[in-house]
Structures are given as C-alpha cells and as structure tokens.
Amino acid sequence: MPPAPEAPVAASVQTAPAGKVLAHGKGLLVDEVAVSERAKPVRRLTVSGSFQVGALDYLVLLDGKPLGRGLLAENLDAAKVALPADVQLTQGATVSYQYGHEAPVTVGTLTLGGPR
C-alpha cells in the first residue's frame, strides 16, 4: 500500500472544490486542485461508488497499479486519491479499487479532457 498523503494534501484532496478537469469517465473524475501548503496544484482522482468504513483502506488502482489510499467522502459515495507526480494519464486507462485482499472492482475507463 502506498503511503498516505501528507495531512495538508489529504485535507485538500477531500475538501477542495472542483478544479480544472483533466480526465473523466463514468463514475470517474480527475481534476487539478490547489493545495495551500504547496506551490503546485495536486491532481485528484475521484471514484464514485458505495463505500463502507472498515478496518482497512481502499486502494485505488490505474491499469492495475496502485495509486494510493482512497480517502472516503463524508457521505461514503466517493473515494478520492492524490495522484503521484509520476503517474501519466492515458486515454482508456482502467480505474478500479480494492478493499483488502478482495478482487478489484472496475469503475471505468478514462477519457482525457473535460466532459463534453
């Protein structure tokens, strides 16, 4: 499991208003949000779904590779993750999430750019 983001980044990932949309898909949105503690904005991936609070964190994956821990929305309808700087967004990349050792749940694929 990748390390959790720094506290200011985690807070911004969870609470920042919508930013510039970089990619989207059914149940997916990648946007760029400002983080007050950093000079550079952070890319945030929001995965919509029905999540439950448990002992483990949800792991968000891009084409089967771990991106980070999904930070759950207050109403548990989304998991949000700060994308590592080295992650390249590609057209058609598959986004999924995994809880513990359960099989990954595919959410959808990315379309680069904002919704049309």
C-alpha atoms as a PDB file:
ATOM      1  CA  MET A   1       0.000   0.000   0.000  1.00  0.00           C
ATOM      2  CA  PRO A   2       1.444   3.393  -0.936  1.00  0.00           C
ATOM      3  CA  PRO A   3       1.943   5.830   1.950  1.00  0.00           C
ATOM      4  CA  ALA A   4      -0.885   8.147   2.919  1.00  0.00           C
ATOM      5  CA  PRO A   5      -0.569  11.718   1.647  1.00  0.00           C
ATOM      6  CA  GLU A   6       0.707  14.480   3.917  1.00  0.00           C
ATOM      7  CA  ALA A   7      -2.045  15.963   6.115  1.00  0.00           C
ATOM      8  CA  PRO A   8      -2.462  19.245   4.143  1.00  0.00           C
ATOM      9  CA  VAL A   9      -2.630  17.313   0.863  1.00  0.00           C
ATOM     10  CA  ALA A  10      -5.129  14.812   2.270  1.00  0.00           C
ATOM     11  CA  ALA A  11      -7.342  17.639   3.541  1.00  0.00           C
ATOM     12  CA  SER A  12      -7.283  19.351   0.146  1.00  0.00           C
ATOM     13  CA  VAL A  13      -7.966  16.105  -1.697  1.00  0.00           C
ATOM     14  CA  GLN A  14     -11.036  15.510   0.433  1.00  0.00           C
ATOM     15  CA  THR A  15     -12.461  19.031   0.643  1.00  0.00           C
ATOM     16  CA  ALA A  16     -11.213  21.218  -2.224  1.00  0.00           C
ATOM     17  CA  PRO A  17     -13.892  22.482  -4.601  1.00  0.00           C
ATOM     18  CA  ALA A  18     -13.906  21.161  -8.146  1.00  0.00           C
ATOM     19  CA  GLY A  19     -10.828  22.141 -10.073  1.00  0.00           C
ATOM     20  CA  LYS A  20      -9.739  22.052 -13.700  1.00  0.00           C
ATOM     21  CA  VAL A  21     -10.935  18.756 -15.210  1.00  0.00           C
ATOM     22  CA  LEU A  22      -8.093  16.741 -16.761  1.00  0.00           C
ATOM     23  CA  ALA A  23      -9.932  13.467 -17.429  1.00  0.00           C
ATOM     24  CA  HIS A  24     -13.290  11.866 -16.751  1.00  0.00           C
ATOM     25  CA  GLY A  25     -15.298   8.702 -17.218  1.00  0.00           C
ATOM     26  CA  LYS A  26     -18.410   7.032 -15.889  1.00  0.00           C
ATOM     27  CA  GLY A  27     -18.025   7.343 -12.118  1.00  0.00           C
ATOM     28  CA  LEU A  28     -14.591   8.989 -12.501  1.00  0.00           C
ATOM     29  CA  LEU A  29     -13.143  12.472 -12.455  1.00  0.00           C
ATOM     30  CA  VAL A  30      -9.556  13.668 -12.459  1.00  0.00           C
ATOM     31  CA  ASP A  31      -9.167  17.320 -11.597  1.00  0.00           C
ATOM     32  CA  GLU A  32      -6.393  19.639 -10.522  1.00  0.00           C
ATOM     33  CA  VAL A  33      -6.914  21.272  -7.119  1.00  0.00           C
ATOM     34  CA  ALA A  34      -4.976  23.877  -5.187  1.00  0.00           C
ATOM     35  CA  VAL A  35      -3.198  22.882  -2.001  1.00  0.00           C
ATOM     36  CA  SER A  36      -2.440  25.841   0.236  1.00  0.00           C
ATOM     37  CA  GLU A  37       0.764  24.319   1.587  1.00  0.00           C
ATOM     38  CA  ARG A  38       2.263  23.666  -1.843  1.00  0.00           C
ATOM     39  CA  ALA A  39       3.171  25.800  -4.815  1.00  0.00           C
ATOM     40  CA  LYS A  40       1.967  23.222  -7.345  1.00  0.00           C
ATOM     41  CA  PRO A  41      -1.625  22.019  -7.593  1.00  0.00           C
ATOM     42  CA  VAL A  42      -2.395  18.353  -6.931  1.00  0.00           C
ATOM     43  CA  ARG A  43      -4.157  16.049  -9.380  1.00  0.00           C
ATOM     44  CA  ARG A  44      -7.075  14.348  -7.651  1.00  0.00           C
ATOM     45  CA  LEU A  45      -8.891  11.235  -8.844  1.00  0.00           C
ATOM     46  CA  THR A  46     -12.446  10.858  -7.544  1.00  0.00           C
ATOM     47  CA  VAL A  47     -14.041   7.421  -7.843  1.00  0.00           C
ATOM     48  CA  SER A  48     -17.798   7.325  -7.302  1.00  0.00           C
ATOM     49  CA  GLY A  49     -19.361   4.308  -5.645  1.00  0.00           C
ATOM     50  CA  SER A  50     -20.865   2.977  -2.468  1.00  0.00           C
ATOM     51  CA  PHE A  51     -18.113   2.599   0.102  1.00  0.00           C
ATOM     52  CA  GLN A  52     -18.157   1.396   3.689  1.00  0.00           C
ATOM     53  CA  VAL A  53     -15.955   2.331   6.601  1.00  0.00           C
ATOM     54  CA  GLY A  54     -13.888  -0.662   7.653  1.00  0.00           C
ATOM     55  CA  ALA A  55     -10.642  -1.615   9.293  1.00  0.00           C
ATOM     56  CA  LEU A  56      -8.749  -1.358   6.008  1.00  0.00           C
ATOM     57  CA  ASP A  57      -8.285   1.410   3.460  1.00  0.00           C
ATOM     58  CA  TYR A  58      -9.475   1.213  -0.132  1.00  0.00           C
ATOM     59  CA  LEU A  59      -6.644   1.056  -2.639  1.00  0.00           C
ATOM     60  CA  VAL A  60      -7.257   2.924  -5.906  1.00  0.00           C
ATOM     61  CA  LEU A  61      -5.623   1.412  -8.998  1.00  0.00           C
ATOM     62  CA  LEU A  62      -4.891   2.662 -12.507  1.00  0.00           C
ATOM     63  CA  ASP A  63      -4.421  -0.144 -15.030  1.00  0.00           C
ATOM     64  CA  GLY A  64      -3.876  -2.475 -12.062  1.00  0.00           C
ATOM     65  CA  LYS A  65      -1.099  -0.357 -10.500  1.00  0.00           C
ATOM     66  CA  PRO A  66      -1.673   1.138  -7.031  1.00  0.00           C
ATOM     67  CA  LEU A  67      -2.112   4.918  -6.962  1.00  0.00           C
ATOM     68  CA  GLY A  68      -2.802   5.374  -3.269  1.00  0.00           C
ATOM     69  CA  ARG A  69      -5.290   5.089  -0.470  1.00  0.00           C
ATOM     70  CA  GLY A  70      -8.787   6.270  -1.265  1.00  0.00           C
ATOM     71  CA  LEU A  71      -9.885   8.972   1.148  1.00  0.00           C
ATOM     72  CA  LEU A  72     -13.614   8.470   1.664  1.00  0.00           C
ATOM     73  CA  ALA A  73     -16.112  11.282   1.258  1.00  0.00           C
ATOM     74  CA  GLU A  74     -18.172  12.085   4.341  1.00  0.00           C
ATOM     75  CA  ASN A  75     -21.302  10.509   2.850  1.00  0.00           C
ATOM     76  CA  LEU A  76     -19.300   7.473   1.605  1.00  0.00           C
ATOM     77  CA  ASP A  77     -20.308   7.987  -2.039  1.00  0.00           C
ATOM     78  CA  ALA A  78     -16.745   8.523  -3.308  1.00  0.00           C
ATOM     79  CA  ALA A  79     -13.108   7.717  -2.679  1.00  0.00           C
ATOM     80  CA  LYS A  80     -10.533  10.359  -3.574  1.00  0.00           C
ATOM     81  CA  VAL A  81      -6.817   9.965  -4.088  1.00  0.00           C
ATOM     82  CA  ALA A  82      -3.962  12.361  -4.840  1.00  0.00           C
ATOM     83  CA  LEU A  83      -2.202  11.148  -7.964  1.00  0.00           C
ATOM     84  CA  PRO A  84       1.539  10.645  -7.619  1.00  0.00           C
ATOM     85  CA  ALA A  85       3.521  13.129  -9.736  1.00  0.00           C
ATOM     86  CA  ASP A  86       4.969  10.370 -11.940  1.00  0.00           C
ATOM     87  CA  VAL A  87       1.573   8.955 -12.983  1.00  0.00           C
ATOM     88  CA  GLN A  88       0.718   9.667 -16.609  1.00  0.00           C
ATOM     89  CA  LEU A  89      -2.955   9.803 -17.536  1.00  0.00           C
ATOM     90  CA  THR A  90      -3.709   7.876 -20.708  1.00  0.00           C
ATOM     91  CA  GLN A  91      -6.817   7.591 -22.839  1.00  0.00           C
ATOM     92  CA  GLY A  92      -8.692   4.388 -21.966  1.00  0.00           C
ATOM     93  CA  ALA A  93      -6.794   3.657 -18.744  1.00  0.00           C
ATOM     94  CA  THR A  94      -8.858   1.451 -16.421  1.00  0.00           C
ATOM     95  CA  VAL A  95      -9.616   2.692 -12.901  1.00  0.00           C
ATOM     96  CA  SER A  96     -10.505   0.259 -10.155  1.00  0.00           C
ATOM     97  CA  TYR A  97     -10.424  -0.013  -6.381  1.00  0.00           C
ATOM     98  CA  GLN A  98      -9.697  -2.839  -3.983  1.00  0.00           C
ATOM     99  CA  TYR A  99     -10.508  -3.471  -0.337  1.00  0.00           C
ATOM    100  CA  GLY A 100      -8.042  -5.719   1.430  1.00  0.00           C
ATOM    101  CA  HIS A 101      -7.468  -8.958  -0.485  1.00  0.00           C
ATOM    102  CA  GLU A 102     -10.809  -8.799  -2.309  1.00  0.00           C
ATOM    103  CA  ALA A 103     -10.806  -8.767  -6.092  1.00  0.00           C
ATOM    104  CA  PRO A 104     -10.504  -5.267  -7.588  1.00  0.00           C
ATOM    105  CA  VAL A 105     -13.767  -3.583  -8.625  1.00  0.00           C
ATOM    106  CA  THR A 106     -13.540  -1.914 -12.034  1.00  0.00           C
ATOM    107  CA  VAL A 107     -15.173   1.511 -12.112  1.00  0.00           C
ATOM    108  CA  GLY A 108     -14.496   2.575 -15.683  1.00  0.00           C
ATOM    109  CA  THR A 109     -12.012   3.995 -18.163  1.00  0.00           C
ATOM    110  CA  LEU A 110     -10.595   7.469 -18.539  1.00  0.00           C
ATOM    111  CA  THR A 111     -11.327   9.905 -21.319  1.00  0.00           C
ATOM    112  CA  LEU A 112      -8.804  12.720 -21.400  1.00  0.00           C
ATOM    113  CA  GLY A 113     -10.128  16.263 -21.126  1.00  0.00           C
ATOM    114  CA  GLY A 114     -13.319  17.635 -19.646  1.00  0.00           C
ATOM    115  CA  PRO A 115     -16.826  16.273 -20.223  1.00  0.00           C
ATOM    116  CA  ARG A 116     -18.434  17.342 -23.468  1.00  0.00           C
END
